[in-house]
PDB file of N, CA and C in Angstrom:
ATOM      1  N   UNK A   1       1.525  -1.410  -0.086  1.00  0.00           N
ATOM      2  CA  UNK A   1      -0.355   0.354  -0.408  1.00  0.00           C
ATOM      3  C   UNK A   1       0.427   1.258  -0.493  1.00  0.00           C
ATOM      4  N   UNK A   2       0.734   2.478  -1.527  1.00  0.00           N
ATOM      5  CA  UNK A   2       1.655   3.046  -1.167  1.00  0.00           C
ATOM      6  C   UNK A   2       0.916   4.281   0.437  1.00  0.00           C
ATOM      7  N   UNK A   3       1.887   5.501  -0.117  1.00  0.00           N
ATOM      8  CA  UNK A   3       1.643   6.416   1.672  1.00  0.00           C
ATOM      9  C   UNK A   3       0.632   7.065   1.683  1.00  0.00           C
ATOM     10  N   UNK A   4       0.362   6.992  -0.207  1.00  0.00           N
ATOM     11  CA  UNK A   4      -0.644   8.191  -0.450  1.00  0.00           C
ATOM     12  C   UNK A   4      -2.130   7.131  -0.233  1.00  0.00           C
ATOM     13  N   UNK A   5      -2.157   6.360  -0.276  1.00  0.00           N
ATOM     14  CA  UNK A   5      -3.476   5.484  -0.553  1.00  0.00           C
ATOM     15  C   UNK A   5      -3.682   4.725   1.568  1.00  0.00           C
ATOM     16  N   UNK A   6      -2.002   4.731   2.415  1.00  0.00           N
ATOM     17  CA  UNK A   6      -3.062   4.927   3.539  1.00  0.00           C
ATOM     18  C   UNK A   6      -2.973   6.681   4.314  1.00  0.00           C
ATOM     19  N   UNK A   7      -2.631   8.050   3.730  1.00  0.00           N
ATOM     20  CA  UNK A   7      -2.711   8.156   4.229  1.00  0.00           C
ATOM     21  C   UNK A   7      -4.617   8.518   3.930  1.00  0.00           C
ATOM     22  N   UNK A   8      -5.373   8.433   2.596  1.00  0.00           N
ATOM     23  CA  UNK A   8      -6.566   8.754   2.287  1.00  0.00           C
ATOM     24  C   UNK A   8      -6.552   7.769   3.366  1.00  0.00           C
ATOM     25  N   UNK A   9      -6.937   6.678   3.385  1.00  0.00           N
ATOM     26  CA  UNK A   9      -7.522   5.508   4.890  1.00  0.00           C
ATOM     27  C   UNK A   9      -7.990   6.212   5.680  1.00  0.00           C
ATOM     28  N   UNK A  10      -6.071   7.296   6.130  1.00  0.00           N
ATOM     29  CA  UNK A  10      -5.909   7.158   7.235  1.00  0.00           C
ATOM     30  C   UNK A  10      -6.847   8.619   7.211  1.00  0.00           C
ATOM     31  N   UNK A  11      -7.485   9.443   6.034  1.00  0.00           N
ATOM     32  CA  UNK A  11      -8.702  10.590   6.572  1.00  0.00           C
ATOM     33  C   UNK A  11      -9.384   9.626   6.346  1.00  0.00           C
ATOM     34  N   UNK A  12      -9.291   9.231   5.607  1.00  0.00           N
ATOM     35  CA  UNK A  12     -10.935   9.093   5.812  1.00  0.00           C
ATOM     36  C   UNK A  12     -11.793   7.914   7.383  1.00  0.00           C
ATOM     37  N   UNK A  13     -10.967   8.100   8.253  1.00  0.00           N
ATOM     38  CA  UNK A  13     -10.784   6.302   9.290  1.00  0.00           C
ATOM     39  C   UNK A  13     -10.844   7.889  10.464  1.00  0.00           C
ATOM     40  N   UNK A  14     -10.514   9.220  10.757  1.00  0.00           N
ATOM     41  CA  UNK A  14      -9.876  10.004  11.070  1.00  0.00           C
ATOM     42  C   UNK A  14     -11.615  11.102  10.862  1.00  0.00           C
ATOM     43  N   UNK A  15     -11.825  11.219  10.154  1.00  0.00           N
ATOM     44  CA  UNK A  15     -13.404  11.475   9.310  1.00  0.00           C
ATOM     45  C   UNK A  15     -14.857  11.224   9.933  1.00  0.00           C
ATOM     46  N   UNK A  16     -14.829   9.767  10.635  1.00  0.00           N
ATOM     47  CA  UNK A  16     -15.753   8.778  11.083  1.00  0.00           C
ATOM     48  C   UNK A  16     -14.959   8.386  12.332  1.00  0.00           C
ATOM     49  N   UNK A  17     -14.224   9.111  12.832  1.00  0.00           N
ATOM     50  CA  UNK A  17     -13.923   8.935  14.681  1.00  0.00           C
ATOM     51  C   UNK A  17     -14.656  10.565  14.795  1.00  0.00           C
ATOM     52  N   UNK A  18     -14.202  11.552  14.131  1.00  0.00           N
ATOM     53  CA  UNK A  18     -15.491  12.762  13.951  1.00  0.00           C
ATOM     54  C   UNK A  18     -17.177  12.975  13.469  1.00  0.00           C
ATOM     55  N   UNK A  19     -16.555  11.825  13.321  1.00  0.00           N
ATOM     56  CA  UNK A  19     -18.701  12.157  13.111  1.00  0.00           C
ATOM     57  C   UNK A  19     -19.362  11.507  14.714  1.00  0.00           C
ATOM     58  N   UNK A  20     -17.960  10.063  15.064  1.00  0.00           N
ATOM     59  CA  UNK A  20     -18.139   9.332  16.167  1.00  0.00           C
ATOM     60  C   UNK A  20     -18.317   9.668  18.062  1.00  0.00           C
ATOM     61  N   UNK A  21     -17.771  11.519  17.398  1.00  0.00           N
ATOM     62  CA  UNK A  21     -17.282  11.812  18.534  1.00  0.00           C
ATOM     63  C   UNK A  21     -17.096  13.153  17.846  1.00  0.00           C
ATOM     64  N   UNK A  22     -17.780  14.035  18.761  1.00  0.00           N
ATOM     65  CA  UNK A  22     -18.327  15.465  18.699  1.00  0.00           C
ATOM     66  C   UNK A  22     -17.770  16.659  18.824  1.00  0.00           C
ATOM     67  N   UNK A  23     -17.092  15.861  19.646  1.00  0.00           N
ATOM     68  CA  UNK A  23     -15.548  17.584  20.630  1.00  0.00           C
ATOM     69  C   UNK A  23     -14.605  16.981  20.096  1.00  0.00           C
ATOM     70  N   UNK A  24     -14.142  15.668  19.406  1.00  0.00           N
ATOM     71  CA  UNK A  24     -12.704  15.864  19.070  1.00  0.00           C
ATOM     72  C   UNK A  24     -12.556  17.160  18.022  1.00  0.00           C
ATOM     73  N   UNK A  25     -12.061  17.981  18.361  1.00  0.00           N
ATOM     74  CA  UNK A  25     -11.539  19.120  17.036  1.00  0.00           C
ATOM     75  C   UNK A  25     -11.423  18.890  15.815  1.00  0.00           C
ATOM     76  N   UNK A  26     -11.493  19.789  14.918  1.00  0.00           N
ATOM     77  CA  UNK A  26     -10.992  19.439  13.927  1.00  0.00           C
ATOM     78  C   UNK A  26      -9.408  19.302  13.577  1.00  0.00           C
ATOM     79  N   UNK A  27      -9.140  20.342  14.745  1.00  0.00           N
ATOM     80  CA  UNK A  27      -6.879  20.678  14.567  1.00  0.00           C
ATOM     81  C   UNK A  27      -6.962  19.265  15.192  1.00  0.00           C
ATOM     82  N   UNK A  28      -7.662  18.990  16.111  1.00  0.00           N
ATOM     83  CA  UNK A  28      -7.510  17.811  16.629  1.00  0.00           C
ATOM     84  C   UNK A  28      -6.811  16.517  15.405  1.00  0.00           C
ATOM     85  N   UNK A  29      -7.996  16.293  15.254  1.00  0.00           N
ATOM     86  CA  UNK A  29      -7.634  15.492  14.093  1.00  0.00           C
ATOM     87  C   UNK A  29      -6.623  15.516  13.137  1.00  0.00           C
ATOM     88  N   UNK A  30      -6.692  16.977  13.217  1.00  0.00           N
ATOM     89  CA  UNK A  30      -5.427  17.178  12.073  1.00  0.00           C
ATOM     90  C   UNK A  30      -4.108  17.188  12.187  1.00  0.00           C
ATOM     91  N   UNK A  31      -3.736  17.086  13.774  1.00  0.00           N
ATOM     92  CA  UNK A  31      -2.846  16.942  13.923  1.00  0.00           C
ATOM     93  C   UNK A  31      -2.609  15.729  14.110  1.00  0.00           C
ATOM     94  N   UNK A  32      -3.584  14.997  14.994  1.00  0.00           N
ATOM     95  CA  UNK A  32      -3.616  13.436  15.076  1.00  0.00           C
ATOM     96  C   UNK A  32      -3.403  12.963  13.456  1.00  0.00           C
ATOM     97  N   UNK A  33      -3.543  12.980  12.427  1.00  0.00           N
ATOM     98  CA  UNK A  33      -2.814  12.282  11.179  1.00  0.00           C
ATOM     99  C   UNK A  33      -2.002  12.992  10.411  1.00  0.00           C
ATOM    100  N   UNK A  34      -1.141  14.335  10.455  1.00  0.00           N
ATOM    101  CA  UNK A  34       0.116  14.356  11.131  1.00  0.00           C
ATOM    102  C   UNK A  34       1.217  13.684  11.306  1.00  0.00           C
ATOM    103  N   UNK A  35       0.344  13.326  12.899  1.00  0.00           N
ATOM    104  CA  UNK A  35       1.543  12.670  13.831  1.00  0.00           C
ATOM    105  C   UNK A  35       1.857  11.071  12.651  1.00  0.00           C
ATOM    106  N   UNK A  36       0.734  11.187  12.438  1.00  0.00           N
ATOM    107  CA  UNK A  36       0.213   9.997  12.128  1.00  0.00           C
ATOM    108  C   UNK A  36       1.336   8.983  10.594  1.00  0.00           C
ATOM    109  N   UNK A  37       1.291  10.607  10.030  1.00  0.00           N
ATOM    110  CA  UNK A  37       2.060  10.176   7.966  1.00  0.00           C
ATOM    111  C   UNK A  37       2.954  10.754   8.535  1.00  0.00           C
ATOM    112  N   UNK A  38       3.395  11.424   9.404  1.00  0.00           N
ATOM    113  CA  UNK A  38       5.105  11.921   9.583  1.00  0.00           C
ATOM    114  C   UNK A  38       5.717   9.865  10.652  1.00  0.00           C
ATOM    115  N   UNK A  39       5.459   9.597  11.320  1.00  0.00           N
ATOM    116  CA  UNK A  39       5.743   8.418  12.397  1.00  0.00           C
ATOM    117  C   UNK A  39       5.575   6.975  10.436  1.00  0.00           C
ATOM    118  N   UNK A  40       4.237   7.748  10.479  1.00  0.00           N
ATOM    119  CA  UNK A  40       4.186   6.390   8.757  1.00  0.00           C
ATOM    120  C   UNK A  40       5.670   6.726   8.381  1.00  0.00           C
ATOM    121  N   UNK A  41       6.541   8.139   7.390  1.00  0.00           N
ATOM    122  CA  UNK A  41       7.828   8.665   6.965  1.00  0.00           C
ATOM    123  C   UNK A  41       8.534   7.930   7.713  1.00  0.00           C
ATOM    124  N   UNK A  42       8.853   7.844   8.697  1.00  0.00           N
ATOM    125  CA  UNK A  42       9.200   7.335   9.789  1.00  0.00           C
ATOM    126  C   UNK A  42      10.020   5.703   9.330  1.00  0.00           C
ATOM    127  N   UNK A  43       8.470   4.502  10.055  1.00  0.00           N
ATOM    128  CA  UNK A  43       9.313   4.041  10.058  1.00  0.00           C
ATOM    129  C   UNK A  43       9.581   3.029   8.299  1.00  0.00           C
ATOM    130  N   UNK A  44       8.904   4.458   7.154  1.00  0.00           N
ATOM    131  CA  UNK A  44       9.730   4.197   5.519  1.00  0.00           C
ATOM    132  C   UNK A  44      11.222   3.875   6.529  1.00  0.00           C
ATOM    133  N   UNK A  45      11.508   5.222   6.110  1.00  0.00           N
ATOM    134  CA  UNK A  45      13.125   5.552   6.190  1.00  0.00           C
ATOM    135  C   UNK A  45      13.543   4.520   6.856  1.00  0.00           C
ATOM    136  N   UNK A  46      13.739   3.578   8.347  1.00  0.00           N
ATOM    137  CA  UNK A  46      14.214   2.278   8.486  1.00  0.00           C
ATOM    138  C   UNK A  46      14.141   1.293   7.373  1.00  0.00           C
ATOM    139  N   UNK A  47      13.133   0.817   7.314  1.00  0.00           N
ATOM    140  CA  UNK A  47      12.994  -0.396   6.606  1.00  0.00           C
ATOM    141  C   UNK A  47      14.962  -0.491   5.202  1.00  0.00           C
TER     142      UNK A  47
END
């Protein structure tokens, strides 16, 4: 799975989480997505 596909799947998951947790702010969601992408990039570099 490419990084782009993984990122899109992640965004879909976060959007679903936002629907079920209305107290989650979009800023938090974007920050979580960025952190996950960053960690994915780091683990990719390690391979």
